[in-house]
Amino acid sequence: MSGGLTDIAGIRVGHAEDARALSGTTAIVFDAPTVAAVDIRGGGPGTRDTDLLDPERTVAGVDALVLSGGSVFGLDAAAGVVARLAETGRGFAVGPARVPIVPAAILFDLLNGGDKAWGRFSPYRDLGYAAAVAASAGPVAMGSVGAGLGARTANLKGGLGSASALVEGTGARVAALVAVNALGRVTVGDGPHFWAGPFEEGTEFGGLGPAPKIPPDAFAWPAKPMPGANTTIAVVATDARLTKAEARRLAVTAQDGLARAIVPAHTPLDGDLVFSAATGAVPLADPVGDLARLGDAAARVLARAVALGVYHARALPVTGAQAAWRDRFEG
């Protein structure tokens, strides 16, 4: 069984959740400083330290990335990851000091029915620390976990998904991890087929394949947009050796995966964002041509991860909660 993002050697993933708040955090921890970049397409992103990822910035690699629920409060999760990394001696060297580099992105899940009355300080710093401690190289848990716990979409419970693939002709692998909290639908209308159906491997998200027919309402604007369900945040990673500029191009191309898997995507109401990371273990024989192959594969892998996040999700334990895909179509 694919481990998803952790199929890339040198990457560990951990989740932490607050069952009362119905929210959580996912930490992506790199074994060594790793080249990273970001591409932001949504109109309402929430981020920390993404400016460091511009190709002209001094910092060459990051120690971790964070995806979190909690809107602006969730940005505190990065501080928890920083604390854990500092304990282990990680970080950018500034004389004798070490400064862990941990960019982060958040989604809005404040209106999902969980208890957000946490007082002066939110739980996200502690969640970030716990997620970093829990980070492992094992298969990535999916569905209603980590940053995907409180996520929703237009018609079904959202969640966290991850997938990977070998990239033909390059010797490299790409993988994706995504927290799906979309304004749009991941399924074709209100039926069971996923927009990402053409990219499914085996029966990983139900085995239904592409929708045999596109219903007239498949592209209709959601009649009752779910409040706050309007951000999908992701990480795509590869073991290829890339510069920061090349990693940025990988993130740009991977965004196509969101457009293939969510309808609509990248709206003014979304904070859609894709981080990219390259561990550098596999040199590319043809930097331009192979980068094109990597981007194409990353888009397909990200589309699969979106469907997997919704496929594995479970309904929230609150009155009037959205149905999960499995409850509606397998129950």
Protein backbone atom coordinates (compact mmCIF):
# COMPACT_ATOMS: atom_id res chain seq x y z
CA MET A 1 0.00 0.00 0.00
CA SER A 2 1.29 3.46 -0.89
CA GLY A 3 2.47 5.57 2.01
CA GLY A 4 1.59 8.77 0.17
CA LEU A 5 3.91 11.69 0.92
CA THR A 6 6.19 9.49 3.04
CA ASP A 7 7.03 7.42 -0.03
CA ILE A 8 9.61 10.17 -0.57
CA ALA A 9 12.60 9.19 1.57
CA GLY A 10 13.53 11.81 4.14
CA ILE A 11 9.97 13.03 4.79
CA ARG A 12 7.96 12.31 7.92
CA VAL A 13 4.31 13.24 8.53
CA GLY A 14 2.47 13.62 11.82
CA HIS A 15 -1.07 14.62 12.81
CA ALA A 16 -2.61 16.01 15.99
CA GLU A 17 -6.27 16.79 16.69
CA ASP A 18 -8.45 18.53 19.25
CA ALA A 19 -11.64 16.45 19.47
CA ARG A 20 -13.49 19.21 21.31
CA ALA A 21 -12.64 21.94 18.83
CA LEU A 22 -13.02 19.56 15.85
CA SER A 23 -9.83 20.86 14.32
CA GLY A 24 -6.26 19.71 13.89
CA THR A 25 -2.79 20.16 12.48
CA THR A 26 -0.50 18.22 10.16
CA ALA A 27 3.29 18.58 10.30
CA ILE A 28 5.55 17.62 7.39
CA VAL A 29 9.06 17.24 8.82
CA PHE A 30 12.17 16.86 6.67
CA ASP A 31 15.14 14.85 7.88
CA ALA A 32 17.45 17.52 6.45
CA PRO A 33 16.94 21.10 5.20
CA THR A 34 14.97 20.76 1.98
CA VAL A 35 14.46 22.98 -1.06
CA ALA A 36 10.90 24.29 -1.05
CA ALA A 37 8.63 26.75 -2.86
CA VAL A 38 4.99 27.80 -2.92
CA ASP A 39 2.28 28.80 -5.38
CA ILE A 40 -0.83 30.61 -4.11
CA ARG A 41 -3.93 30.78 -6.32
CA GLY A 42 -6.77 31.43 -3.87
CA GLY A 43 -8.01 34.93 -3.11
CA GLY A 44 -7.88 34.59 0.68
CA PRO A 45 -4.77 32.70 1.84
CA GLY A 46 -3.48 32.51 5.40
CA THR A 47 0.25 31.84 5.64
CA ARG A 48 3.46 32.15 7.66
CA ASP A 49 7.00 32.59 6.31
CA THR A 50 6.07 31.94 2.68
CA ASP A 51 8.21 34.92 1.57
CA LEU A 52 11.28 32.86 2.50
CA LEU A 53 10.39 30.45 -0.29
CA ASP A 54 10.90 32.97 -3.09
CA PRO A 55 13.89 31.89 -5.23
CA GLU A 56 15.81 35.10 -4.50
CA ARG A 57 15.58 34.73 -0.71
CA THR A 58 18.66 33.69 1.28
CA VAL A 59 17.34 30.60 3.05
CA ALA A 60 18.08 27.60 0.85
CA GLY A 61 16.00 24.97 2.63
CA VAL A 62 13.18 24.46 5.12
CA ASP A 63 13.03 22.14 8.11
CA ALA A 64 9.29 21.50 8.05
CA LEU A 65 5.96 22.62 6.59
CA VAL A 66 2.67 22.91 8.45
CA LEU A 67 -0.94 22.59 7.31
CA SER A 68 -3.50 23.48 9.95
CA GLY A 69 -7.12 24.15 10.66
CA GLY A 70 -8.10 27.09 12.84
CA SER A 71 -7.86 30.01 10.42
CA VAL A 72 -5.48 32.68 11.78
CA PHE A 73 -5.32 30.89 15.14
CA GLY A 74 -3.94 27.83 13.36
CA LEU A 75 -0.81 29.72 12.36
CA ASP A 76 0.29 29.16 15.98
CA ALA A 77 0.83 25.50 15.05
CA ALA A 78 4.06 26.46 13.28
CA ALA A 79 5.42 27.79 16.59
CA GLY A 80 4.84 24.37 18.13
CA VAL A 81 6.73 22.67 15.30
CA VAL A 82 9.54 25.22 15.66
CA ALA A 83 9.74 24.41 19.38
CA ARG A 84 10.04 20.70 18.70
CA LEU A 85 12.71 21.18 16.03
CA ALA A 86 14.66 23.53 18.29
CA GLU A 87 14.72 20.81 20.96
CA THR A 88 16.40 18.49 18.49
CA GLY A 89 18.97 21.02 17.30
CA ARG A 90 17.42 21.73 13.92
CA GLY A 91 17.41 25.08 12.17
CA PHE A 92 19.20 27.68 10.06
CA ALA A 93 22.55 28.48 11.65
CA VAL A 94 23.02 32.09 12.78
CA GLY A 95 26.29 32.00 14.68
CA PRO A 96 25.73 29.62 17.62
CA ALA A 97 21.94 29.99 17.33
CA ARG A 98 19.64 27.74 15.34
CA VAL A 99 16.44 29.05 13.75
CA PRO A 100 14.04 26.34 12.49
CA ILE A 101 12.46 27.34 9.16
CA VAL A 102 8.79 26.28 9.15
CA PRO A 103 6.42 27.88 6.60
CA ALA A 104 2.74 27.21 7.23
CA ALA A 105 -0.72 27.56 5.71
CA ILE A 106 -4.15 27.39 7.30
CA LEU A 107 -7.75 26.63 6.36
CA PHE A 108 -10.95 27.99 7.89
CA ASP A 109 -12.89 25.52 10.04
CA LEU A 110 -14.18 27.84 12.77
CA LEU A 111 -17.86 27.26 11.92
CA ASN A 112 -17.95 23.45 11.76
CA GLY A 113 -19.72 22.92 15.09
CA GLY A 114 -16.68 22.37 17.31
CA ASP A 115 -16.11 24.29 20.53
CA LYS A 116 -13.77 27.14 19.66
CA ALA A 117 -14.14 28.93 23.02
CA TRP A 118 -10.56 28.19 24.00
CA GLY A 119 -9.93 31.40 25.93
CA ARG A 120 -6.82 33.55 25.67
CA PHE A 121 -4.65 31.00 23.85
CA SER A 122 -5.70 28.58 21.14
CA PRO A 123 -4.62 24.91 21.23
CA TYR A 124 -2.69 25.08 17.97
CA ARG A 125 0.82 25.63 19.36
CA ASP A 126 0.43 22.43 21.36
CA LEU A 127 -1.11 20.66 18.37
CA GLY A 128 1.85 21.65 16.20
CA TYR A 129 4.28 20.35 18.79
CA ALA A 130 2.36 17.07 19.12
CA ALA A 131 2.16 16.64 15.34
CA ALA A 132 5.92 17.14 15.02
CA VAL A 133 6.58 14.61 17.79
CA ALA A 134 4.22 12.14 16.08
CA ALA A 135 5.82 12.59 12.64
CA SER A 136 6.89 9.26 11.15
CA ALA A 137 7.93 7.74 7.85
CA GLY A 138 5.02 5.29 7.92
CA PRO A 139 1.93 5.43 5.69
CA VAL A 140 0.04 8.70 6.02
CA ALA A 141 -3.29 8.46 7.85
CA MET A 142 -6.10 9.94 5.75
CA GLY A 143 -9.60 11.30 6.08
CA SER A 144 -10.75 13.12 9.22
CA VAL A 145 -7.28 13.50 10.72
CA GLY A 146 -4.85 16.35 11.31
CA ALA A 147 -5.61 19.45 9.28
CA GLY A 148 -8.45 17.56 7.61
CA LEU A 149 -10.41 16.81 10.79
CA GLY A 150 -12.72 19.81 10.57
CA ALA A 151 -12.63 20.26 6.80
CA ARG A 152 -15.77 20.35 4.65
CA THR A 153 -16.73 20.77 0.98
CA ALA A 154 -19.86 22.01 -0.82
CA ASN A 155 -21.71 18.71 -0.48
CA LEU A 156 -19.60 16.19 1.48
CA LYS A 157 -17.26 16.04 4.46
CA GLY A 158 -13.75 17.13 3.51
CA GLY A 159 -10.56 15.55 4.75
CA LEU A 160 -6.87 14.90 4.32
CA GLY A 161 -5.54 12.74 1.49
CA SER A 162 -2.15 11.62 0.23
CA ALA A 163 -0.86 9.75 -2.82
CA SER A 164 2.35 9.14 -4.77
CA ALA A 165 3.62 7.85 -8.11
CA LEU A 166 6.83 7.03 -9.94
CA VAL A 167 7.49 9.44 -12.81
CA GLU A 168 8.19 7.52 -16.00
CA GLY A 169 11.49 8.27 -17.67
CA THR A 170 12.99 10.30 -14.82
CA GLY A 171 13.87 7.82 -12.07
CA ALA A 172 12.12 10.14 -9.62
CA ARG A 173 8.92 9.96 -7.58
CA VAL A 174 6.33 12.61 -6.77
CA ALA A 175 3.83 12.61 -3.93
CA ALA A 176 1.12 14.88 -2.56
CA LEU A 177 -0.66 15.58 0.70
CA VAL A 178 -3.74 17.82 0.81
CA ALA A 179 -6.32 19.11 3.27
CA VAL A 180 -9.57 19.52 1.31
CA ASN A 181 -11.85 22.25 2.66
CA ALA A 182 -13.29 23.42 -0.64
CA LEU A 183 -16.05 25.81 -1.61
CA GLY A 184 -16.65 23.51 -4.57
CA ARG A 185 -17.49 19.84 -5.05
CA VAL A 186 -15.02 16.98 -5.30
CA THR A 187 -17.72 14.77 -6.83
CA VAL A 188 -19.49 15.20 -10.16
CA GLY A 189 -22.64 16.96 -8.99
CA ASP A 190 -24.23 15.12 -6.09
CA GLY A 191 -23.38 11.66 -7.40
CA PRO A 192 -20.66 9.28 -6.17
CA HIS A 193 -18.14 9.75 -9.00
CA PHE A 194 -15.09 11.87 -8.28
CA TRP A 195 -13.88 14.52 -10.71
CA ALA A 196 -10.48 12.87 -10.19
CA GLY A 197 -11.88 9.51 -11.37
CA PRO A 198 -9.80 9.40 -14.59
CA PHE A 199 -6.62 9.44 -12.50
CA GLU A 200 -7.59 6.76 -9.96
CA GLU A 201 -5.13 3.91 -9.45
CA GLY A 202 -6.89 0.61 -8.89
CA THR A 203 -9.81 1.06 -6.52
CA GLU A 204 -8.12 3.52 -4.16
CA PHE A 205 -11.18 5.76 -3.86
CA GLY A 206 -14.02 3.39 -4.68
CA GLY A 207 -13.09 2.10 -8.12
CA LEU A 208 -15.96 3.87 -9.86
CA GLY A 209 -13.77 5.41 -12.53
CA PRO A 210 -14.87 8.49 -14.50
CA ALA A 211 -18.52 9.53 -14.40
CA PRO A 212 -20.29 7.87 -17.35
CA LYS A 213 -22.33 11.01 -17.90
CA ILE A 214 -21.98 14.59 -16.71
CA PRO A 215 -25.31 15.67 -15.19
CA PRO A 216 -26.73 19.10 -16.12
CA ASP A 217 -26.06 20.49 -12.63
CA ALA A 218 -22.45 19.29 -12.39
CA PHE A 219 -21.08 22.80 -12.93
CA ALA A 220 -23.82 24.63 -11.04
CA TRP A 221 -22.66 27.04 -8.37
CA PRO A 222 -23.24 25.56 -4.91
CA ALA A 223 -26.79 26.51 -3.92
CA LYS A 224 -25.82 26.97 -0.26
CA PRO A 225 -22.07 27.53 -0.02
CA MET A 226 -20.79 26.06 3.24
CA PRO A 227 -19.60 28.92 5.49
CA GLY A 228 -15.84 28.78 5.78
CA ALA A 229 -15.41 25.74 3.53
CA ASN A 230 -13.23 27.53 1.04
CA THR A 231 -9.59 26.59 1.22
CA THR A 232 -7.58 23.62 -0.02
CA ILE A 233 -3.94 23.54 1.08
CA ALA A 234 -1.40 21.02 -0.15
CA VAL A 235 2.20 19.86 -0.30
CA VAL A 236 3.72 18.16 -3.34
CA ALA A 237 7.14 16.59 -2.93
CA THR A 238 9.70 14.83 -5.06
CA ASP A 239 13.02 13.09 -4.53
CA ALA A 240 14.37 14.85 -7.63
CA ARG A 241 17.14 17.43 -7.34
CA LEU A 242 15.60 20.85 -8.00
CA THR A 243 16.54 24.47 -7.47
CA LYS A 244 14.13 26.77 -5.65
CA ALA A 245 13.01 28.18 -9.01
CA GLU A 246 12.38 24.68 -10.37
CA ALA A 247 10.51 23.76 -7.18
CA ARG A 248 8.34 26.83 -7.71
CA ARG A 249 7.51 25.63 -11.24
CA LEU A 250 6.57 22.22 -9.78
CA ALA A 251 4.12 23.91 -7.39
CA VAL A 252 2.65 25.98 -10.23
CA THR A 253 2.06 22.94 -12.41
CA ALA A 254 0.71 20.86 -9.54
CA GLN A 255 -2.08 23.41 -9.02
CA ASP A 256 -3.73 21.86 -12.09
CA GLY A 257 -4.52 18.90 -9.85
CA LEU A 258 -6.83 21.05 -7.73
CA ALA A 259 -8.64 22.32 -10.83
CA ARG A 260 -9.10 18.74 -12.07
CA ALA A 261 -10.43 17.47 -8.74
CA ILE A 262 -12.54 20.37 -7.38
CA VAL A 263 -15.29 22.37 -9.14
CA PRO A 264 -15.01 25.32 -8.77
CA ALA A 265 -11.47 25.95 -7.52
CA HIS A 266 -9.25 29.01 -6.96
CA THR A 267 -12.15 31.39 -6.32
CA PRO A 268 -11.89 34.74 -4.48
CA LEU A 269 -13.31 32.90 -1.46
CA ASP A 270 -10.55 30.26 -1.46
CA GLY A 271 -7.11 30.31 0.10
CA ASP A 272 -5.89 27.58 -2.25
CA LEU A 273 -2.15 27.02 -1.93
CA VAL A 274 0.42 24.39 -2.93
CA PHE A 275 3.81 24.04 -1.28
CA SER A 276 6.47 22.04 -3.13
CA ALA A 277 9.56 20.32 -1.75
CA ALA A 278 12.49 18.51 -3.37
CA THR A 279 14.80 16.30 -1.31
CA GLY A 280 17.44 16.13 -4.06
CA ALA A 281 18.28 12.42 -4.01
CA VAL A 282 17.71 11.88 -7.75
CA PRO A 283 19.56 14.09 -10.30
CA LEU A 284 17.64 14.79 -13.49
CA ALA A 285 19.27 13.91 -16.81
CA ASP A 286 17.12 16.48 -18.65
CA PRO A 287 16.33 19.30 -16.21
CA VAL A 288 13.74 20.96 -18.50
CA GLY A 289 12.04 17.92 -19.96
CA ASP A 290 12.10 15.95 -16.73
CA LEU A 291 10.72 18.91 -14.78
CA ALA A 292 7.80 18.97 -17.21
CA ARG A 293 7.19 15.27 -16.54
CA LEU A 294 7.39 15.84 -12.79
CA GLY A 295 4.84 18.66 -12.95
CA ASP A 296 2.42 16.63 -15.02
CA ALA A 297 2.68 13.71 -12.60
CA ALA A 298 2.35 16.01 -9.59
CA ALA A 299 -0.94 17.40 -10.90
CA ARG A 300 -2.35 13.89 -11.31
CA VAL A 301 -1.10 12.77 -7.90
CA LEU A 302 -2.60 15.85 -6.24
CA ALA A 303 -5.97 15.21 -7.93
CA ARG A 304 -5.91 11.66 -6.53
CA ALA A 305 -5.02 12.93 -3.07
CA VAL A 306 -8.02 15.27 -3.11
CA ALA A 307 -10.39 12.39 -3.86
CA LEU A 308 -8.71 10.19 -1.26
CA GLY A 309 -9.16 12.83 1.42
CA VAL A 310 -12.93 12.95 0.86
CA TYR A 311 -13.23 9.19 0.30
CA HIS A 312 -11.65 8.40 3.70
CA ALA A 313 -13.38 11.18 5.66
CA ARG A 314 -15.90 10.54 8.42
CA ALA A 315 -18.79 12.81 9.43
CA LEU A 316 -18.22 15.16 12.36
CA PRO A 317 -19.99 14.19 15.60
CA VAL A 318 -22.26 17.25 15.67
CA THR A 319 -25.93 17.85 14.92
CA GLY A 320 -26.52 18.56 11.24
CA ALA A 321 -23.04 17.49 10.19
CA GLN A 322 -22.33 16.90 6.52
CA ALA A 323 -22.54 13.33 5.35
CA ALA A 324 -19.30 11.59 4.48
CA TRP A 325 -18.84 10.00 1.05
CA ARG A 326 -18.81 6.49 2.50
CA ASP A 327 -21.93 7.13 4.57
CA ARG A 328 -23.83 8.30 1.52
CA PHE A 329 -22.56 5.94 -1.13
CA GLU A 330 -21.35 2.84 0.72
CA GLY A 331 -23.54 2.88 3.84
